[in-house]
Amino acid sequence: MRLLVMASGNGTDFQSIIDGIKSGYINAEIVALISDKEGAYALKRAEMNNIPAYCIPKKKLKDKFYKELANVVNEINPDGIILAGFITILNEEIVNKYHNRIINIHPSLIPSFCGKGYYGINVHKAVVDYGVKYTGCTVHFVDSGADTGPIIMQDVVKVEDDDTPETVASKVLKLEHKLLPYAVKLFTEGRLKVEGRKVYIKEEV
């Protein structure tokens, strides 16, 4: 399966998929990386792993950004798209064309602490400030909303009394590096079945 990965920052989730493919855990090829941010370390990871990379800087392009993004995605024409820490909310043109073929990872237990403005350390600060006892991460299919698509899987960590947003972030990131490759593996094996809001995992044949 030909996968397109999109990432805005350091790209550790991107790296977890690269490692999963290299080890034979995931049977797929990453055909390209797209970043919406100049200088994102994810671009360097792509270079180090001989993966074609495209930087489509949202800040510079402004109103032309979504048109350029759609042009590049359509040119690549992947079988699936993995949002591995991609901050930009995709436009409906891409979401509709790749219906149930776009996977996102979010650093909270959706529907808590998600939607517009909830990304990166903002999520973990909100978790600590609210005083919840558990948080985690969610892998879901992308629809036209912000973090509102059908949930594929979730995993949980305990929030201790002395946790800070940074320590929570570190715990959740470790979960992400296990959960995202597993979800991608299931997706590439055709084992995810969507019915309404529910995602069912088919038994391995």
N, C-alpha and C. Protein backbone atom coordinates (compact mmCIF):
# COMPACT_ATOMS: atom_id res chain seq x y z
N MET A 1 0.84 -1.20 0.00
CA MET A 1 0.00 0.00 0.00
C MET A 1 0.88 1.25 0.00
N ARG A 2 0.50 2.22 -0.79
CA ARG A 2 1.26 3.46 -0.92
C ARG A 2 0.69 4.50 0.06
N LEU A 3 1.51 4.89 1.03
CA LEU A 3 1.05 5.81 2.06
C LEU A 3 1.70 7.19 1.90
N LEU A 4 0.90 8.22 2.12
CA LEU A 4 1.38 9.59 2.21
C LEU A 4 1.28 9.99 3.68
N VAL A 5 2.38 10.49 4.25
CA VAL A 5 2.38 10.95 5.64
C VAL A 5 2.45 12.47 5.65
N MET A 6 1.70 13.08 6.57
CA MET A 6 1.76 14.53 6.76
C MET A 6 2.16 14.81 8.20
N ALA A 7 3.12 15.71 8.40
CA ALA A 7 3.59 16.04 9.74
C ALA A 7 4.01 17.50 9.79
N SER A 8 3.80 18.13 10.96
CA SER A 8 4.11 19.55 11.11
C SER A 8 5.34 19.83 11.95
N GLY A 9 5.77 18.85 12.75
CA GLY A 9 6.82 19.14 13.72
C GLY A 9 8.00 18.20 13.69
N ASN A 10 8.31 17.65 14.86
CA ASN A 10 9.50 16.82 15.03
C ASN A 10 9.42 15.51 14.24
N GLY A 11 8.22 15.00 14.09
CA GLY A 11 8.04 13.81 13.25
C GLY A 11 8.33 12.48 13.93
N THR A 12 8.17 12.42 15.27
CA THR A 12 8.44 11.13 15.94
C THR A 12 7.38 10.09 15.59
N ASP A 13 6.13 10.52 15.40
CA ASP A 13 5.09 9.57 14.96
C ASP A 13 5.38 9.08 13.54
N PHE A 14 5.85 9.97 12.71
CA PHE A 14 6.29 9.62 11.35
C PHE A 14 7.39 8.57 11.43
N GLN A 15 8.34 8.79 12.34
CA GLN A 15 9.45 7.85 12.51
C GLN A 15 8.94 6.47 12.96
N SER A 16 7.91 6.46 13.79
CA SER A 16 7.37 5.17 14.27
C SER A 16 6.80 4.35 13.11
N ILE A 17 6.27 5.03 12.11
CA ILE A 17 5.75 4.32 10.93
C ILE A 17 6.91 3.85 10.04
N ILE A 18 7.90 4.72 9.87
CA ILE A 18 9.11 4.32 9.12
C ILE A 18 9.71 3.05 9.73
N ASP A 19 9.87 3.07 11.06
CA ASP A 19 10.46 1.92 11.76
C ASP A 19 9.60 0.67 11.61
N GLY A 20 8.28 0.86 11.65
CA GLY A 20 7.36 -0.27 11.49
C GLY A 20 7.47 -0.91 10.12
N ILE A 21 7.68 -0.10 9.10
CA ILE A 21 7.84 -0.61 7.74
C ILE A 21 9.19 -1.30 7.59
N LYS A 22 10.24 -0.66 8.11
CA LYS A 22 11.60 -1.24 7.99
C LYS A 22 11.70 -2.61 8.68
N SER A 23 10.97 -2.76 9.79
CA SER A 23 11.04 -4.03 10.54
C SER A 23 10.15 -5.12 9.93
N GLY A 24 9.32 -4.73 8.96
CA GLY A 24 8.41 -5.69 8.35
C GLY A 24 7.08 -5.80 9.08
N TYR A 25 6.91 -5.02 10.14
CA TYR A 25 5.65 -5.02 10.92
C TYR A 25 4.49 -4.48 10.08
N ILE A 26 4.79 -3.42 9.30
CA ILE A 26 3.78 -2.82 8.41
C ILE A 26 4.18 -3.11 6.97
N ASN A 27 3.25 -3.68 6.22
CA ASN A 27 3.52 -3.99 4.82
C ASN A 27 3.03 -2.83 3.94
N ALA A 28 3.87 -1.83 3.81
CA ALA A 28 3.49 -0.63 3.05
C ALA A 28 4.74 0.13 2.65
N GLU A 29 4.53 1.15 1.82
CA GLU A 29 5.62 2.04 1.40
C GLU A 29 5.17 3.47 1.64
N ILE A 30 6.04 4.27 2.26
CA ILE A 30 5.76 5.70 2.39
C ILE A 30 6.26 6.37 1.12
N VAL A 31 5.32 6.83 0.29
CA VAL A 31 5.71 7.39 -1.01
C VAL A 31 6.08 8.87 -0.91
N ALA A 32 5.64 9.53 0.17
CA ALA A 32 6.00 10.95 0.32
C ALA A 32 5.64 11.44 1.71
N LEU A 33 6.30 12.53 2.09
CA LEU A 33 5.95 13.27 3.30
C LEU A 33 5.57 14.69 2.88
N ILE A 34 4.53 15.21 3.49
CA ILE A 34 4.18 16.63 3.31
C ILE A 34 4.23 17.30 4.67
N SER A 35 4.90 18.45 4.73
CA SER A 35 4.86 19.27 5.94
C SER A 35 4.33 20.66 5.59
N ASP A 36 3.57 21.22 6.51
CA ASP A 36 3.01 22.57 6.31
C ASP A 36 3.88 23.63 6.99
N LYS A 37 5.06 23.20 7.47
CA LYS A 37 5.89 24.11 8.25
C LYS A 37 7.35 24.02 7.81
N GLU A 38 7.92 25.16 7.44
CA GLU A 38 9.33 25.19 7.06
C GLU A 38 10.20 24.87 8.29
N GLY A 39 11.24 24.08 8.06
CA GLY A 39 12.14 23.76 9.16
C GLY A 39 11.68 22.63 10.05
N ALA A 40 10.54 22.03 9.76
CA ALA A 40 10.05 20.90 10.57
C ALA A 40 11.06 19.75 10.48
N TYR A 41 11.39 19.18 11.62
CA TYR A 41 12.40 18.10 11.62
C TYR A 41 11.89 16.87 10.87
N ALA A 42 10.58 16.74 10.73
CA ALA A 42 10.01 15.63 9.95
C ALA A 42 10.58 15.63 8.53
N LEU A 43 10.85 16.80 7.98
CA LEU A 43 11.43 16.90 6.63
C LEU A 43 12.83 16.29 6.60
N LYS A 44 13.59 16.50 7.68
CA LYS A 44 14.93 15.92 7.79
C LYS A 44 14.84 14.40 7.90
N ARG A 45 13.85 13.92 8.65
CA ARG A 45 13.65 12.46 8.78
C ARG A 45 13.36 11.84 7.42
N ALA A 46 12.56 12.53 6.62
CA ALA A 46 12.26 12.04 5.27
C ALA A 46 13.54 11.96 4.44
N GLU A 47 14.34 13.01 4.51
CA GLU A 47 15.60 13.05 3.76
C GLU A 47 16.52 11.89 4.17
N MET A 48 16.62 11.65 5.47
CA MET A 48 17.51 10.60 5.99
C MET A 48 17.04 9.21 5.59
N ASN A 49 15.76 9.09 5.28
CA ASN A 49 15.20 7.78 4.91
C ASN A 49 14.84 7.69 3.42
N ASN A 50 15.39 8.64 2.63
CA ASN A 50 15.17 8.65 1.17
C ASN A 50 13.69 8.65 0.78
N ILE A 51 12.90 9.43 1.54
CA ILE A 51 11.48 9.57 1.24
C ILE A 51 11.25 10.95 0.62
N PRO A 52 10.64 11.03 -0.57
CA PRO A 52 10.37 12.33 -1.17
C PRO A 52 9.57 13.22 -0.21
N ALA A 53 9.99 14.48 -0.08
CA ALA A 53 9.33 15.37 0.87
C ALA A 53 8.92 16.68 0.19
N TYR A 54 7.77 17.17 0.61
CA TYR A 54 7.22 18.42 0.08
C TYR A 54 6.95 19.35 1.25
N CYS A 55 7.48 20.55 1.20
CA CYS A 55 7.14 21.57 2.19
C CYS A 55 6.17 22.54 1.55
N ILE A 56 4.97 22.59 2.11
CA ILE A 56 3.93 23.52 1.61
C ILE A 56 3.63 24.47 2.77
N PRO A 57 4.39 25.57 2.87
CA PRO A 57 4.30 26.43 4.06
C PRO A 57 2.99 27.21 4.14
N LYS A 58 2.20 26.88 5.12
CA LYS A 58 0.87 27.49 5.28
C LYS A 58 0.97 28.99 5.53
N LYS A 59 1.93 29.38 6.37
CA LYS A 59 2.07 30.81 6.71
C LYS A 59 2.38 31.65 5.50
N LYS A 60 3.25 31.15 4.62
CA LYS A 60 3.64 31.91 3.42
C LYS A 60 2.54 31.92 2.36
N LEU A 61 1.95 30.75 2.14
CA LEU A 61 0.99 30.62 1.04
C LEU A 61 -0.38 31.23 1.36
N LYS A 62 -0.75 31.24 2.64
CA LYS A 62 -2.02 31.81 3.10
C LYS A 62 -3.20 31.24 2.30
N ASP A 63 -3.89 32.09 1.53
CA ASP A 63 -5.11 31.65 0.81
C ASP A 63 -4.83 30.60 -0.26
N LYS A 64 -3.60 30.53 -0.74
CA LYS A 64 -3.27 29.56 -1.81
C LYS A 64 -2.89 28.19 -1.25
N PHE A 65 -2.82 28.08 0.09
CA PHE A 65 -2.31 26.86 0.71
C PHE A 65 -3.12 25.62 0.33
N TYR A 66 -4.43 25.68 0.49
CA TYR A 66 -5.25 24.48 0.28
C TYR A 66 -5.25 24.02 -1.18
N LYS A 67 -5.17 24.97 -2.09
CA LYS A 67 -5.11 24.60 -3.51
C LYS A 67 -3.80 23.87 -3.79
N GLU A 68 -2.70 24.40 -3.26
CA GLU A 68 -1.39 23.78 -3.47
C GLU A 68 -1.33 22.40 -2.82
N LEU A 69 -1.90 22.30 -1.61
CA LEU A 69 -1.92 21.01 -0.91
C LEU A 69 -2.70 19.97 -1.72
N ALA A 70 -3.86 20.35 -2.21
CA ALA A 70 -4.68 19.42 -3.00
C ALA A 70 -3.94 19.00 -4.27
N ASN A 71 -3.25 19.94 -4.90
CA ASN A 71 -2.50 19.63 -6.13
C ASN A 71 -1.43 18.57 -5.86
N VAL A 72 -0.69 18.74 -4.77
CA VAL A 72 0.40 17.80 -4.44
C VAL A 72 -0.18 16.44 -4.05
N VAL A 73 -1.23 16.43 -3.23
CA VAL A 73 -1.85 15.17 -2.81
C VAL A 73 -2.39 14.41 -4.02
N ASN A 74 -3.05 15.12 -4.92
CA ASN A 74 -3.61 14.47 -6.12
C ASN A 74 -2.52 13.94 -7.04
N GLU A 75 -1.40 14.66 -7.08
CA GLU A 75 -0.27 14.21 -7.90
C GLU A 75 0.32 12.92 -7.33
N ILE A 76 0.42 12.84 -6.01
CA ILE A 76 0.95 11.64 -5.35
C ILE A 76 -0.05 10.49 -5.45
N ASN A 77 -1.34 10.82 -5.30
CA ASN A 77 -2.43 9.86 -5.41
C ASN A 77 -2.20 8.60 -4.55
N PRO A 78 -2.10 8.78 -3.22
CA PRO A 78 -1.78 7.64 -2.35
C PRO A 78 -2.99 6.73 -2.13
N ASP A 79 -2.72 5.54 -1.59
CA ASP A 79 -3.80 4.64 -1.18
C ASP A 79 -4.36 5.06 0.17
N GLY A 80 -3.52 5.68 0.98
CA GLY A 80 -3.95 6.15 2.29
C GLY A 80 -3.11 7.32 2.74
N ILE A 81 -3.67 8.13 3.64
CA ILE A 81 -2.97 9.31 4.17
C ILE A 81 -2.91 9.18 5.69
N ILE A 82 -1.71 9.37 6.25
CA ILE A 82 -1.53 9.29 7.70
C ILE A 82 -1.13 10.68 8.21
N LEU A 83 -1.94 11.24 9.09
CA LEU A 83 -1.62 12.52 9.70
C LEU A 83 -0.88 12.24 11.01
N ALA A 84 0.43 12.44 10.99
CA ALA A 84 1.28 12.09 12.13
C ALA A 84 1.77 13.37 12.80
N GLY A 85 0.85 14.04 13.49
CA GLY A 85 1.18 15.33 14.08
C GLY A 85 1.08 16.45 13.06
N PHE A 86 0.02 16.41 12.25
CA PHE A 86 -0.21 17.45 11.25
C PHE A 86 -1.24 18.43 11.82
N ILE A 87 -0.82 19.66 12.04
CA ILE A 87 -1.65 20.63 12.77
C ILE A 87 -2.81 21.15 11.93
N THR A 88 -2.62 21.28 10.63
CA THR A 88 -3.65 21.84 9.76
C THR A 88 -4.86 20.90 9.63
N ILE A 89 -6.05 21.49 9.70
CA ILE A 89 -7.27 20.72 9.45
C ILE A 89 -7.46 20.64 7.93
N LEU A 90 -7.60 19.44 7.41
CA LEU A 90 -7.72 19.25 5.96
C LEU A 90 -9.03 19.82 5.44
N ASN A 91 -9.00 20.29 4.19
CA ASN A 91 -10.22 20.81 3.59
C ASN A 91 -11.09 19.67 3.06
N GLU A 92 -12.35 19.97 2.80
CA GLU A 92 -13.33 18.93 2.43
C GLU A 92 -12.98 18.23 1.12
N GLU A 93 -12.33 18.93 0.21
CA GLU A 93 -11.96 18.31 -1.08
C GLU A 93 -11.12 17.06 -0.85
N ILE A 94 -10.10 17.18 -0.02
CA ILE A 94 -9.22 16.04 0.25
C ILE A 94 -9.94 15.00 1.10
N VAL A 95 -10.65 15.46 2.14
CA VAL A 95 -11.36 14.54 3.04
C VAL A 95 -12.37 13.69 2.27
N ASN A 96 -13.12 14.32 1.39
CA ASN A 96 -14.15 13.59 0.62
C ASN A 96 -13.52 12.61 -0.38
N LYS A 97 -12.46 13.03 -1.02
CA LYS A 97 -11.82 12.16 -2.02
C LYS A 97 -11.21 10.91 -1.36
N TYR A 98 -10.67 11.09 -0.16
CA TYR A 98 -10.01 9.97 0.54
C TYR A 98 -10.84 9.52 1.75
N HIS A 99 -12.13 9.44 1.55
CA HIS A 99 -13.06 9.05 2.62
C HIS A 99 -12.66 7.70 3.24
N ASN A 100 -12.55 7.71 4.57
CA ASN A 100 -12.13 6.51 5.33
C ASN A 100 -10.76 5.96 4.90
N ARG A 101 -9.95 6.86 4.34
CA ARG A 101 -8.58 6.48 3.98
C ARG A 101 -7.56 7.46 4.58
N ILE A 102 -8.04 8.34 5.47
CA ILE A 102 -7.16 9.29 6.16
C ILE A 102 -7.21 8.98 7.65
N ILE A 103 -6.05 8.71 8.24
CA ILE A 103 -5.94 8.38 9.66
C ILE A 103 -5.20 9.48 10.38
N ASN A 104 -5.72 9.87 11.55
CA ASN A 104 -5.07 10.90 12.37
C ASN A 104 -4.81 10.35 13.77
N ILE A 105 -3.75 10.84 14.39
CA ILE A 105 -3.50 10.54 15.81
C ILE A 105 -3.66 11.83 16.61
N HIS A 106 -4.41 11.74 17.72
CA HIS A 106 -4.64 12.92 18.56
C HIS A 106 -4.24 12.59 20.00
N PRO A 107 -3.54 13.52 20.68
CA PRO A 107 -2.98 13.21 22.00
C PRO A 107 -3.94 13.39 23.18
N SER A 108 -5.17 12.93 23.02
CA SER A 108 -6.11 12.87 24.14
C SER A 108 -7.14 11.79 23.86
N LEU A 109 -8.00 11.55 24.83
CA LEU A 109 -9.07 10.57 24.65
C LEU A 109 -10.29 11.30 24.09
N ILE A 110 -10.39 11.32 22.76
CA ILE A 110 -11.53 11.97 22.10
C ILE A 110 -12.83 11.32 22.60
N PRO A 111 -13.88 12.08 22.93
CA PRO A 111 -14.12 13.49 22.58
C PRO A 111 -13.63 14.52 23.59
N SER A 112 -12.77 14.15 24.54
CA SER A 112 -12.23 15.14 25.48
C SER A 112 -10.99 15.83 24.89
N PHE A 113 -10.87 17.12 25.16
CA PHE A 113 -9.67 17.90 24.81
C PHE A 113 -9.30 17.73 23.34
N CYS A 114 -10.25 18.01 22.48
CA CYS A 114 -9.99 17.91 21.05
C CYS A 114 -10.72 19.03 20.31
N GLY A 115 -10.49 19.12 19.00
CA GLY A 115 -11.10 20.18 18.20
C GLY A 115 -10.13 21.34 18.00
N LYS A 116 -10.64 22.44 17.50
CA LYS A 116 -9.80 23.58 17.16
C LYS A 116 -9.06 24.12 18.39
N GLY A 117 -7.77 24.35 18.23
CA GLY A 117 -6.96 24.89 19.31
C GLY A 117 -6.33 23.84 20.20
N TYR A 118 -6.84 22.62 20.13
CA TYR A 118 -6.29 21.54 20.95
C TYR A 118 -5.25 20.77 20.15
N TYR A 119 -4.01 21.18 20.27
CA TYR A 119 -2.91 20.47 19.61
C TYR A 119 -1.66 20.66 20.46
N GLY A 120 -0.72 19.71 20.32
CA GLY A 120 0.55 19.81 21.02
C GLY A 120 0.38 19.97 22.53
N ILE A 121 1.23 20.81 23.10
CA ILE A 121 1.26 20.99 24.56
C ILE A 121 -0.04 21.60 25.08
N ASN A 122 -0.79 22.29 24.22
CA ASN A 122 -2.08 22.87 24.63
C ASN A 122 -3.01 21.80 25.19
N VAL A 123 -2.99 20.62 24.54
CA VAL A 123 -3.86 19.51 24.97
C VAL A 123 -3.48 19.09 26.39
N HIS A 124 -2.20 18.88 26.62
CA HIS A 124 -1.74 18.35 27.91
C HIS A 124 -1.87 19.38 29.03
N LYS A 125 -1.75 20.67 28.68
CA LYS A 125 -1.99 21.73 29.67
C LYS A 125 -3.45 21.70 30.10
N ALA A 126 -4.34 21.53 29.14
CA ALA A 126 -5.78 21.48 29.45
C ALA A 126 -6.11 20.26 30.32
N VAL A 127 -5.46 19.15 30.02
CA VAL A 127 -5.65 17.91 30.80
C VAL A 127 -5.26 18.13 32.26
N VAL A 128 -4.07 18.72 32.47
CA VAL A 128 -3.58 18.97 33.83
C VAL A 128 -4.46 19.99 34.55
N ASP A 129 -4.79 21.07 33.86
CA ASP A 129 -5.61 22.13 34.46
C ASP A 129 -6.99 21.63 34.87
N TYR A 130 -7.55 20.72 34.07
CA TYR A 130 -8.90 20.21 34.35
C TYR A 130 -8.90 19.22 35.52
N GLY A 131 -7.75 18.59 35.73
CA GLY A 131 -7.64 17.67 36.85
C GLY A 131 -8.15 16.26 36.57
N VAL A 132 -8.17 15.86 35.29
CA VAL A 132 -8.61 14.50 34.99
C VAL A 132 -7.59 13.49 35.52
N LYS A 133 -8.04 12.29 35.79
CA LYS A 133 -7.17 11.26 36.37
C LYS A 133 -6.53 10.38 35.29
N TYR A 134 -7.14 10.36 34.11
CA TYR A 134 -6.60 9.56 33.00
C TYR A 134 -6.66 10.37 31.71
N THR A 135 -5.66 10.17 30.88
CA THR A 135 -5.67 10.73 29.54
C THR A 135 -5.09 9.67 28.62
N GLY A 136 -4.76 10.03 27.39
CA GLY A 136 -4.22 9.03 26.47
C GLY A 136 -4.14 9.58 25.06
N CYS A 137 -4.30 8.68 24.10
CA CYS A 137 -4.29 9.12 22.70
C CYS A 137 -5.35 8.35 21.92
N THR A 138 -5.73 8.91 20.80
CA THR A 138 -6.78 8.36 19.96
C THR A 138 -6.33 8.33 18.51
N VAL A 139 -6.52 7.20 17.85
CA VAL A 139 -6.34 7.11 16.40
C VAL A 139 -7.73 7.05 15.78
N HIS A 140 -7.98 7.91 14.80
CA HIS A 140 -9.32 7.95 14.22
C HIS A 140 -9.25 8.25 12.72
N PHE A 141 -10.32 7.89 12.03
CA PHE A 141 -10.45 8.31 10.63
C PHE A 141 -10.85 9.78 10.61
N VAL A 142 -10.43 10.48 9.57
CA VAL A 142 -10.69 11.92 9.46
C VAL A 142 -11.97 12.16 8.66
N ASP A 143 -12.82 13.03 9.21
CA ASP A 143 -13.98 13.50 8.45
C ASP A 143 -13.85 15.02 8.31
N SER A 144 -14.94 15.70 7.96
CA SER A 144 -14.84 17.13 7.67
C SER A 144 -14.77 18.00 8.92
N GLY A 145 -14.92 17.41 10.09
CA GLY A 145 -14.80 18.17 11.33
C GLY A 145 -13.39 18.13 11.89
N ALA A 146 -13.21 18.71 13.07
CA ALA A 146 -11.90 18.71 13.74
C ALA A 146 -11.91 17.64 14.82
N ASP A 147 -11.21 16.53 14.58
CA ASP A 147 -11.13 15.41 15.52
C ASP A 147 -12.49 14.76 15.78
N THR A 148 -13.33 14.70 14.76
CA THR A 148 -14.70 14.18 14.95
C THR A 148 -14.97 12.86 14.22
N GLY A 149 -13.99 12.33 13.50
CA GLY A 149 -14.20 11.12 12.71
C GLY A 149 -14.26 9.86 13.56
N PRO A 150 -14.70 8.74 12.98
CA PRO A 150 -14.84 7.47 13.70
C PRO A 150 -13.53 7.03 14.36
N ILE A 151 -13.65 6.63 15.63
CA ILE A 151 -12.48 6.24 16.42
C ILE A 151 -12.05 4.81 16.09
N ILE A 152 -10.79 4.65 15.75
CA ILE A 152 -10.23 3.32 15.45
C ILE A 152 -9.78 2.64 16.73
N MET A 153 -8.99 3.34 17.54
CA MET A 153 -8.54 2.77 18.81
C MET A 153 -8.02 3.87 19.73
N GLN A 154 -7.97 3.54 21.02
CA GLN A 154 -7.47 4.47 22.03
C GLN A 154 -6.62 3.70 23.04
N ASP A 155 -5.73 4.43 23.73
CA ASP A 155 -4.98 3.85 24.83
C ASP A 155 -4.86 4.91 25.92
N VAL A 156 -4.63 4.45 27.15
CA VAL A 156 -4.80 5.29 28.33
C VAL A 156 -3.55 5.32 29.20
N VAL A 157 -3.27 6.50 29.81
CA VAL A 157 -2.26 6.61 30.86
C VAL A 157 -2.86 7.34 32.05
N LYS A 158 -2.31 7.06 33.23
CA LYS A 158 -2.77 7.71 34.46
C LYS A 158 -2.09 9.07 34.58
N VAL A 159 -2.86 10.06 35.01
CA VAL A 159 -2.31 11.38 35.31
C VAL A 159 -2.06 11.44 36.81
N GLU A 160 -0.79 11.52 37.20
CA GLU A 160 -0.43 11.57 38.62
C GLU A 160 -0.55 13.00 39.15
N ASP A 161 -0.62 13.12 40.49
CA ASP A 161 -0.81 14.43 41.11
C ASP A 161 0.32 15.41 40.78
N ASP A 162 1.53 14.88 40.61
CA ASP A 162 2.68 15.76 40.37
C ASP A 162 3.01 15.90 38.88
N ASP A 163 2.15 15.39 38.01
CA ASP A 163 2.40 15.51 36.57
C ASP A 163 2.30 16.95 36.10
N THR A 164 3.13 17.30 35.13
CA THR A 164 3.07 18.60 34.45
C THR A 164 2.62 18.35 33.02
N PRO A 165 2.25 19.39 32.27
CA PRO A 165 1.91 19.18 30.86
C PRO A 165 3.03 18.46 30.10
N GLU A 166 4.28 18.76 30.47
CA GLU A 166 5.42 18.15 29.78
C GLU A 166 5.55 16.66 30.10
N THR A 167 5.34 16.27 31.36
CA THR A 167 5.46 14.85 31.72
C THR A 167 4.30 14.06 31.14
N VAL A 168 3.12 14.67 31.10
CA VAL A 168 1.96 14.01 30.47
C VAL A 168 2.23 13.82 28.98
N ALA A 169 2.78 14.85 28.34
CA ALA A 169 3.11 14.77 26.91
C ALA A 169 4.05 13.61 26.63
N SER A 170 5.06 13.44 27.49
CA SER A 170 6.04 12.37 27.32
C SER A 170 5.38 11.00 27.44
N LYS A 171 4.49 10.84 28.42
CA LYS A 171 3.77 9.56 28.59
C LYS A 171 2.90 9.25 27.37
N VAL A 172 2.17 10.26 26.92
CA VAL A 172 1.23 10.06 25.81
C VAL A 172 1.99 9.76 24.52
N LEU A 173 3.13 10.42 24.32
CA LEU A 173 3.91 10.20 23.10
C LEU A 173 4.37 8.75 23.00
N LYS A 174 4.75 8.16 24.13
CA LYS A 174 5.15 6.74 24.12
C LYS A 174 4.00 5.86 23.66
N LEU A 175 2.79 6.19 24.10
CA LEU A 175 1.60 5.45 23.64
C LEU A 175 1.40 5.62 22.14
N GLU A 176 1.55 6.85 21.67
CA GLU A 176 1.34 7.15 20.24
C GLU A 176 2.25 6.29 19.37
N HIS A 177 3.49 6.11 19.81
CA HIS A 177 4.48 5.38 19.00
C HIS A 177 4.16 3.89 18.91
N LYS A 178 3.27 3.40 19.78
CA LYS A 178 2.81 2.01 19.69
C LYS A 178 1.47 1.93 18.94
N LEU A 179 0.58 2.87 19.28
CA LEU A 179 -0.79 2.79 18.77
C LEU A 179 -0.89 3.13 17.28
N LEU A 180 -0.19 4.19 16.85
CA LEU A 180 -0.29 4.59 15.45
C LEU A 180 0.23 3.52 14.49
N PRO A 181 1.43 2.95 14.72
CA PRO A 181 1.87 1.89 13.80
C PRO A 181 0.91 0.69 13.77
N TYR A 182 0.32 0.35 14.92
CA TYR A 182 -0.63 -0.76 14.95
C TYR A 182 -1.86 -0.45 14.11
N ALA A 183 -2.38 0.77 14.24
CA ALA A 183 -3.55 1.17 13.44
C ALA A 183 -3.22 1.18 11.95
N VAL A 184 -2.03 1.68 11.61
CA VAL A 184 -1.60 1.70 10.20
C VAL A 184 -1.46 0.27 9.67
N LYS A 185 -0.91 -0.61 10.48
CA LYS A 185 -0.78 -2.02 10.10
C LYS A 185 -2.15 -2.61 9.78
N LEU A 186 -3.13 -2.39 10.65
CA LEU A 186 -4.49 -2.92 10.43
C LEU A 186 -5.11 -2.32 9.17
N PHE A 187 -4.88 -1.02 8.97
CA PHE A 187 -5.41 -0.34 7.78
C PHE A 187 -4.83 -0.93 6.50
N THR A 188 -3.52 -1.13 6.50
CA THR A 188 -2.87 -1.64 5.28
C THR A 188 -3.24 -3.10 5.01
N GLU A 189 -3.67 -3.80 6.05
CA GLU A 189 -4.11 -5.19 5.88
C GLU A 189 -5.59 -5.30 5.57
N GLY A 190 -6.26 -4.14 5.45
CA GLY A 190 -7.69 -4.14 5.12
C GLY A 190 -8.56 -4.67 6.25
N ARG A 191 -8.11 -4.50 7.49
CA ARG A 191 -8.83 -5.10 8.62
C ARG A 191 -9.68 -4.10 9.41
N LEU A 192 -9.82 -2.88 8.89
CA LEU A 192 -10.66 -1.89 9.56
C LEU A 192 -11.96 -1.70 8.79
N LYS A 193 -13.07 -1.94 9.46
CA LYS A 193 -14.38 -1.83 8.82
C LYS A 193 -15.18 -0.74 9.53
N VAL A 194 -15.64 0.25 8.76
CA VAL A 194 -16.37 1.38 9.33
C VAL A 194 -17.87 1.21 9.08
N GLU A 195 -18.63 1.27 10.16
CA GLU A 195 -20.10 1.25 10.07
C GLU A 195 -20.63 2.40 10.90
N GLY A 196 -21.07 3.47 10.23
CA GLY A 196 -21.52 4.66 10.96
C GLY A 196 -20.36 5.27 11.72
N ARG A 197 -20.53 5.40 13.04
CA ARG A 197 -19.46 5.97 13.87
C ARG A 197 -18.53 4.90 14.43
N LYS A 198 -18.85 3.64 14.19
CA LYS A 198 -18.05 2.57 14.79
C LYS A 198 -17.06 1.97 13.80
N VAL A 199 -15.87 1.67 14.32
CA VAL A 199 -14.84 1.00 13.54
C VAL A 199 -14.62 -0.38 14.14
N TYR A 200 -14.77 -1.42 13.32
CA TYR A 200 -14.57 -2.79 13.77
C TYR A 200 -13.26 -3.33 13.20
N ILE A 201 -12.55 -4.09 14.02
CA ILE A 201 -11.31 -4.70 13.59
C ILE A 201 -11.59 -6.16 13.21
N LYS A 202 -11.35 -6.47 11.94
CA LYS A 202 -11.60 -7.83 11.47
C LYS A 202 -10.49 -8.78 11.93
N GLU A 203 -10.87 -10.00 12.16
CA GLU A 203 -9.89 -11.04 12.57
C GLU A 203 -8.87 -11.24 11.45
N GLU A 204 -7.67 -11.57 11.86
CA GLU A 204 -6.61 -11.87 10.87
C GLU A 204 -6.94 -13.18 10.17
N VAL A 205 -6.82 -13.17 8.85
CA VAL A 205 -7.14 -14.39 8.07
C VAL A 205 -5.98 -15.37 8.13
